[in-house]
Protein backbone atom coordinates (compact mmCIF):
# COMPACT_ATOMS: atom_id res chain seq x y z
CA UNK A 1 0.00 0.00 0.00
CA UNK A 2 1.26 3.47 -0.85
CA UNK A 3 2.16 5.92 1.90
CA UNK A 4 -0.42 8.40 0.61
CA UNK A 5 -3.18 5.80 1.02
CA UNK A 6 -2.03 5.02 4.55
CA UNK A 7 -2.02 8.74 5.34
CA UNK A 8 -5.54 9.21 3.96
CA UNK A 9 -6.79 6.35 6.13
CA UNK A 10 -5.15 7.86 9.24
CA UNK A 11 -6.64 11.30 8.59
CA UNK A 12 -10.13 9.89 8.01
CA UNK A 13 -10.11 7.71 11.13
CA UNK A 14 -8.73 10.41 13.42
CA UNK A 15 -11.44 12.81 12.27
CA UNK A 16 -14.15 10.12 12.69
CA UNK A 17 -13.14 9.84 16.33
CA UNK A 18 -13.26 13.58 16.98
CA UNK A 19 -9.54 14.22 16.73
CA UNK A 20 -7.52 16.68 14.70
CA UNK A 21 -4.96 15.47 12.17
CA UNK A 22 -2.86 18.33 10.86
CA UNK A 23 -0.30 18.07 8.09
CA UNK A 24 3.00 19.10 9.68
CA UNK A 25 5.01 21.39 7.40
CA UNK A 26 7.82 23.39 8.94
CA UNK A 27 9.70 25.53 6.40
CA UNK A 28 13.42 25.42 6.99
CA UNK A 29 13.12 22.27 9.13
CA UNK A 30 13.34 19.19 6.91
CA UNK A 31 12.50 15.81 8.34
CA UNK A 32 9.65 16.75 10.67
CA UNK A 33 6.93 14.09 11.08
CA UNK A 34 4.07 13.93 8.57
CA UNK A 35 1.19 14.60 10.94
CA UNK A 36 0.28 16.20 14.26
CA UNK A 37 -2.61 14.39 15.91
CA UNK A 38 -4.59 15.92 18.75
CA UNK A 39 -7.16 13.68 20.44
CA UNK A 40 -10.45 14.93 21.89
CA UNK A 41 -8.80 14.74 25.33
CA UNK A 42 -5.86 16.90 24.24
CA UNK A 43 -3.18 14.25 23.83
CA UNK A 44 -0.76 15.31 21.09
CA UNK A 45 1.20 12.81 19.01
CA UNK A 46 3.55 13.50 16.10
CA UNK A 47 3.35 10.75 13.48
CA UNK A 48 5.72 9.82 10.68
CA UNK A 49 4.14 7.40 8.22
CA UNK A 50 6.04 4.81 6.21
CA UNK A 51 5.13 1.82 4.10
CA UNK A 52 5.93 -1.58 5.60
CA UNK A 53 9.38 -1.42 3.98
CA UNK A 54 9.95 2.34 4.33
CA UNK A 55 13.01 3.75 6.07
CA UNK A 56 13.66 6.92 8.01
CA UNK A 57 16.11 9.37 6.48
CA UNK A 58 18.98 10.56 8.66
CA UNK A 59 17.34 14.00 9.08
CA UNK A 60 14.07 12.36 10.13
CA UNK A 61 15.90 10.36 12.82
CA UNK A 62 17.58 13.56 14.02
CA UNK A 63 14.30 15.52 14.15
CA UNK A 64 12.61 12.69 16.06
CA UNK A 65 15.46 12.59 18.56
CA UNK A 66 15.37 16.35 19.11
CA UNK A 67 11.59 16.32 19.63
CA UNK A 68 11.72 13.38 22.03
CA UNK A 69 14.49 15.06 24.07
CA UNK A 70 11.93 17.77 24.76
CA UNK A 71 9.20 15.38 25.80
CA UNK A 72 7.26 15.05 22.54
CA UNK A 73 5.45 11.81 21.74
CA UNK A 74 6.79 10.94 18.27
CA UNK A 75 5.74 7.74 16.51
CA UNK A 76 6.88 6.09 13.31
CA UNK A 77 4.15 3.86 11.89
CA UNK A 78 5.11 1.28 9.28
CA UNK A 79 2.10 0.25 7.18
CA UNK A 80 -1.64 0.11 7.62
CA UNK A 81 -1.60 -2.47 10.43
CA UNK A 82 0.63 -0.20 12.53
CA UNK A 83 -1.78 2.69 11.92
CA UNK A 84 -4.72 0.55 13.05
CA UNK A 85 -2.83 -0.48 16.20
CA UNK A 86 -2.00 3.17 16.89
CA UNK A 87 -5.64 4.20 16.46
CA UNK A 88 -6.80 1.47 18.86
CA UNK A 89 -4.27 2.71 21.40
CA UNK A 90 -5.13 6.40 21.10
CA UNK A 91 -8.88 6.07 20.60
CA UNK A 92 -9.68 3.20 22.94
CA UNK A 93 -13.34 3.05 21.90
CA UNK A 94 -12.50 2.72 18.20
CA UNK A 95 -13.16 -0.22 15.95
CA UNK A 96 -11.02 -0.23 12.81
CA UNK A 97 -12.12 -2.55 10.01
CA UNK A 98 -9.90 -2.84 6.94
C-alpha atoms as a PDB file:
ATOM      1  CA  UNK A   1       0.000   0.000   0.000  1.00  0.00           C
ATOM      2  CA  UNK A   2       1.260   3.466  -0.849  1.00  0.00           C
ATOM      3  CA  UNK A   3       2.165   5.921   1.896  1.00  0.00           C
ATOM      4  CA  UNK A   4      -0.424   8.400   0.609  1.00  0.00           C
ATOM      5  CA  UNK A   5      -3.184   5.797   1.022  1.00  0.00           C
ATOM      6  CA  UNK A   6      -2.028   5.020   4.552  1.00  0.00           C
ATOM      7  CA  UNK A   7      -2.024   8.736   5.341  1.00  0.00           C
ATOM      8  CA  UNK A   8      -5.541   9.211   3.963  1.00  0.00           C
ATOM      9  CA  UNK A   9      -6.788   6.355   6.134  1.00  0.00           C
ATOM     10  CA  UNK A  10      -5.147   7.858   9.238  1.00  0.00           C
ATOM     11  CA  UNK A  11      -6.639  11.298   8.593  1.00  0.00           C
ATOM     12  CA  UNK A  12     -10.131   9.889   8.009  1.00  0.00           C
ATOM     13  CA  UNK A  13     -10.114   7.710  11.130  1.00  0.00           C
ATOM     14  CA  UNK A  14      -8.728  10.405  13.422  1.00  0.00           C
ATOM     15  CA  UNK A  15     -11.442  12.807  12.275  1.00  0.00           C
ATOM     16  CA  UNK A  16     -14.147  10.124  12.689  1.00  0.00           C
ATOM     17  CA  UNK A  17     -13.139   9.840  16.334  1.00  0.00           C
ATOM     18  CA  UNK A  18     -13.263  13.576  16.981  1.00  0.00           C
ATOM     19  CA  UNK A  19      -9.536  14.223  16.734  1.00  0.00           C
ATOM     20  CA  UNK A  20      -7.523  16.685  14.701  1.00  0.00           C
ATOM     21  CA  UNK A  21      -4.961  15.472  12.171  1.00  0.00           C
ATOM     22  CA  UNK A  22      -2.859  18.332  10.855  1.00  0.00           C
ATOM     23  CA  UNK A  23      -0.302  18.069   8.093  1.00  0.00           C
ATOM     24  CA  UNK A  24       3.004  19.099   9.676  1.00  0.00           C
ATOM     25  CA  UNK A  25       5.007  21.386   7.399  1.00  0.00           C
ATOM     26  CA  UNK A  26       7.824  23.390   8.937  1.00  0.00           C
ATOM     27  CA  UNK A  27       9.697  25.526   6.397  1.00  0.00           C
ATOM     28  CA  UNK A  28      13.424  25.419   6.992  1.00  0.00           C
ATOM     29  CA  UNK A  29      13.115  22.268   9.127  1.00  0.00           C
ATOM     30  CA  UNK A  30      13.340  19.192   6.909  1.00  0.00           C
ATOM     31  CA  UNK A  31      12.497  15.808   8.343  1.00  0.00           C
ATOM     32  CA  UNK A  32       9.647  16.752  10.665  1.00  0.00           C
ATOM     33  CA  UNK A  33       6.928  14.085  11.084  1.00  0.00           C
ATOM     34  CA  UNK A  34       4.069  13.931   8.569  1.00  0.00           C
ATOM     35  CA  UNK A  35       1.189  14.601  10.945  1.00  0.00           C
ATOM     36  CA  UNK A  36       0.278  16.201  14.259  1.00  0.00           C
ATOM     37  CA  UNK A  37      -2.613  14.390  15.911  1.00  0.00           C
ATOM     38  CA  UNK A  38      -4.588  15.916  18.754  1.00  0.00           C
ATOM     39  CA  UNK A  39      -7.159  13.679  20.439  1.00  0.00           C
ATOM     40  CA  UNK A  40     -10.449  14.933  21.893  1.00  0.00           C
ATOM     41  CA  UNK A  41      -8.801  14.738  25.331  1.00  0.00           C
ATOM     42  CA  UNK A  42      -5.859  16.900  24.237  1.00  0.00           C
ATOM     43  CA  UNK A  43      -3.176  14.247  23.832  1.00  0.00           C
ATOM     44  CA  UNK A  44      -0.763  15.313  21.086  1.00  0.00           C
ATOM     45  CA  UNK A  45       1.199  12.815  19.011  1.00  0.00           C
ATOM     46  CA  UNK A  46       3.550  13.498  16.103  1.00  0.00           C
ATOM     47  CA  UNK A  47       3.346  10.749  13.482  1.00  0.00           C
ATOM     48  CA  UNK A  48       5.718   9.822  10.681  1.00  0.00           C
ATOM     49  CA  UNK A  49       4.144   7.401   8.215  1.00  0.00           C
ATOM     50  CA  UNK A  50       6.039   4.811   6.210  1.00  0.00           C
ATOM     51  CA  UNK A  51       5.131   1.819   4.104  1.00  0.00           C
ATOM     52  CA  UNK A  52       5.934  -1.579   5.603  1.00  0.00           C
ATOM     53  CA  UNK A  53       9.378  -1.421   3.983  1.00  0.00           C
ATOM     54  CA  UNK A  54       9.949   2.335   4.326  1.00  0.00           C
ATOM     55  CA  UNK A  55      13.007   3.751   6.069  1.00  0.00           C
ATOM     56  CA  UNK A  56      13.658   6.921   8.008  1.00  0.00           C
ATOM     57  CA  UNK A  57      16.111   9.370   6.483  1.00  0.00           C
ATOM     58  CA  UNK A  58      18.976  10.564   8.664  1.00  0.00           C
ATOM     59  CA  UNK A  59      17.345  14.005   9.081  1.00  0.00           C
ATOM     60  CA  UNK A  60      14.073  12.358  10.134  1.00  0.00           C
ATOM     61  CA  UNK A  61      15.901  10.362  12.816  1.00  0.00           C
ATOM     62  CA  UNK A  62      17.582  13.555  14.017  1.00  0.00           C
ATOM     63  CA  UNK A  63      14.301  15.517  14.154  1.00  0.00           C
ATOM     64  CA  UNK A  64      12.612  12.687  16.061  1.00  0.00           C
ATOM     65  CA  UNK A  65      15.457  12.585  18.564  1.00  0.00           C
ATOM     66  CA  UNK A  66      15.370  16.351  19.105  1.00  0.00           C
ATOM     67  CA  UNK A  67      11.594  16.323  19.626  1.00  0.00           C
ATOM     68  CA  UNK A  68      11.723  13.385  22.028  1.00  0.00           C
ATOM     69  CA  UNK A  69      14.490  15.062  24.066  1.00  0.00           C
ATOM     70  CA  UNK A  70      11.926  17.774  24.757  1.00  0.00           C
ATOM     71  CA  UNK A  71       9.197  15.379  25.801  1.00  0.00           C
ATOM     72  CA  UNK A  72       7.262  15.055  22.535  1.00  0.00           C
ATOM     73  CA  UNK A  73       5.454  11.808  21.735  1.00  0.00           C
ATOM     74  CA  UNK A  74       6.787  10.941  18.270  1.00  0.00           C
ATOM     75  CA  UNK A  75       5.745   7.738  16.513  1.00  0.00           C
ATOM     76  CA  UNK A  76       6.876   6.091  13.310  1.00  0.00           C
ATOM     77  CA  UNK A  77       4.155   3.859  11.887  1.00  0.00           C
ATOM     78  CA  UNK A  78       5.107   1.279   9.282  1.00  0.00           C
ATOM     79  CA  UNK A  79       2.104   0.249   7.180  1.00  0.00           C
ATOM     80  CA  UNK A  80      -1.641   0.105   7.620  1.00  0.00           C
ATOM     81  CA  UNK A  81      -1.598  -2.470  10.428  1.00  0.00           C
ATOM     82  CA  UNK A  82       0.627  -0.200  12.534  1.00  0.00           C
ATOM     83  CA  UNK A  83      -1.783   2.691  11.918  1.00  0.00           C
ATOM     84  CA  UNK A  84      -4.724   0.552  13.054  1.00  0.00           C
ATOM     85  CA  UNK A  85      -2.834  -0.481  16.200  1.00  0.00           C
ATOM     86  CA  UNK A  86      -1.999   3.173  16.889  1.00  0.00           C
ATOM     87  CA  UNK A  87      -5.639   4.197  16.463  1.00  0.00           C
ATOM     88  CA  UNK A  88      -6.800   1.467  18.859  1.00  0.00           C
ATOM     89  CA  UNK A  89      -4.272   2.713  21.400  1.00  0.00           C
ATOM     90  CA  UNK A  90      -5.125   6.401  21.100  1.00  0.00           C
ATOM     91  CA  UNK A  91      -8.877   6.069  20.595  1.00  0.00           C
ATOM     92  CA  UNK A  92      -9.676   3.202  22.942  1.00  0.00           C
ATOM     93  CA  UNK A  93     -13.338   3.050  21.904  1.00  0.00           C
ATOM     94  CA  UNK A  94     -12.495   2.723  18.199  1.00  0.00           C
ATOM     95  CA  UNK A  95     -13.162  -0.221  15.945  1.00  0.00           C
ATOM     96  CA  UNK A  96     -11.017  -0.234  12.807  1.00  0.00           C
ATOM     97  CA  UNK A  97     -12.116  -2.551  10.012  1.00  0.00           C
ATOM     98  CA  UNK A  98      -9.898  -2.837   6.942  1.00  0.00           C
END
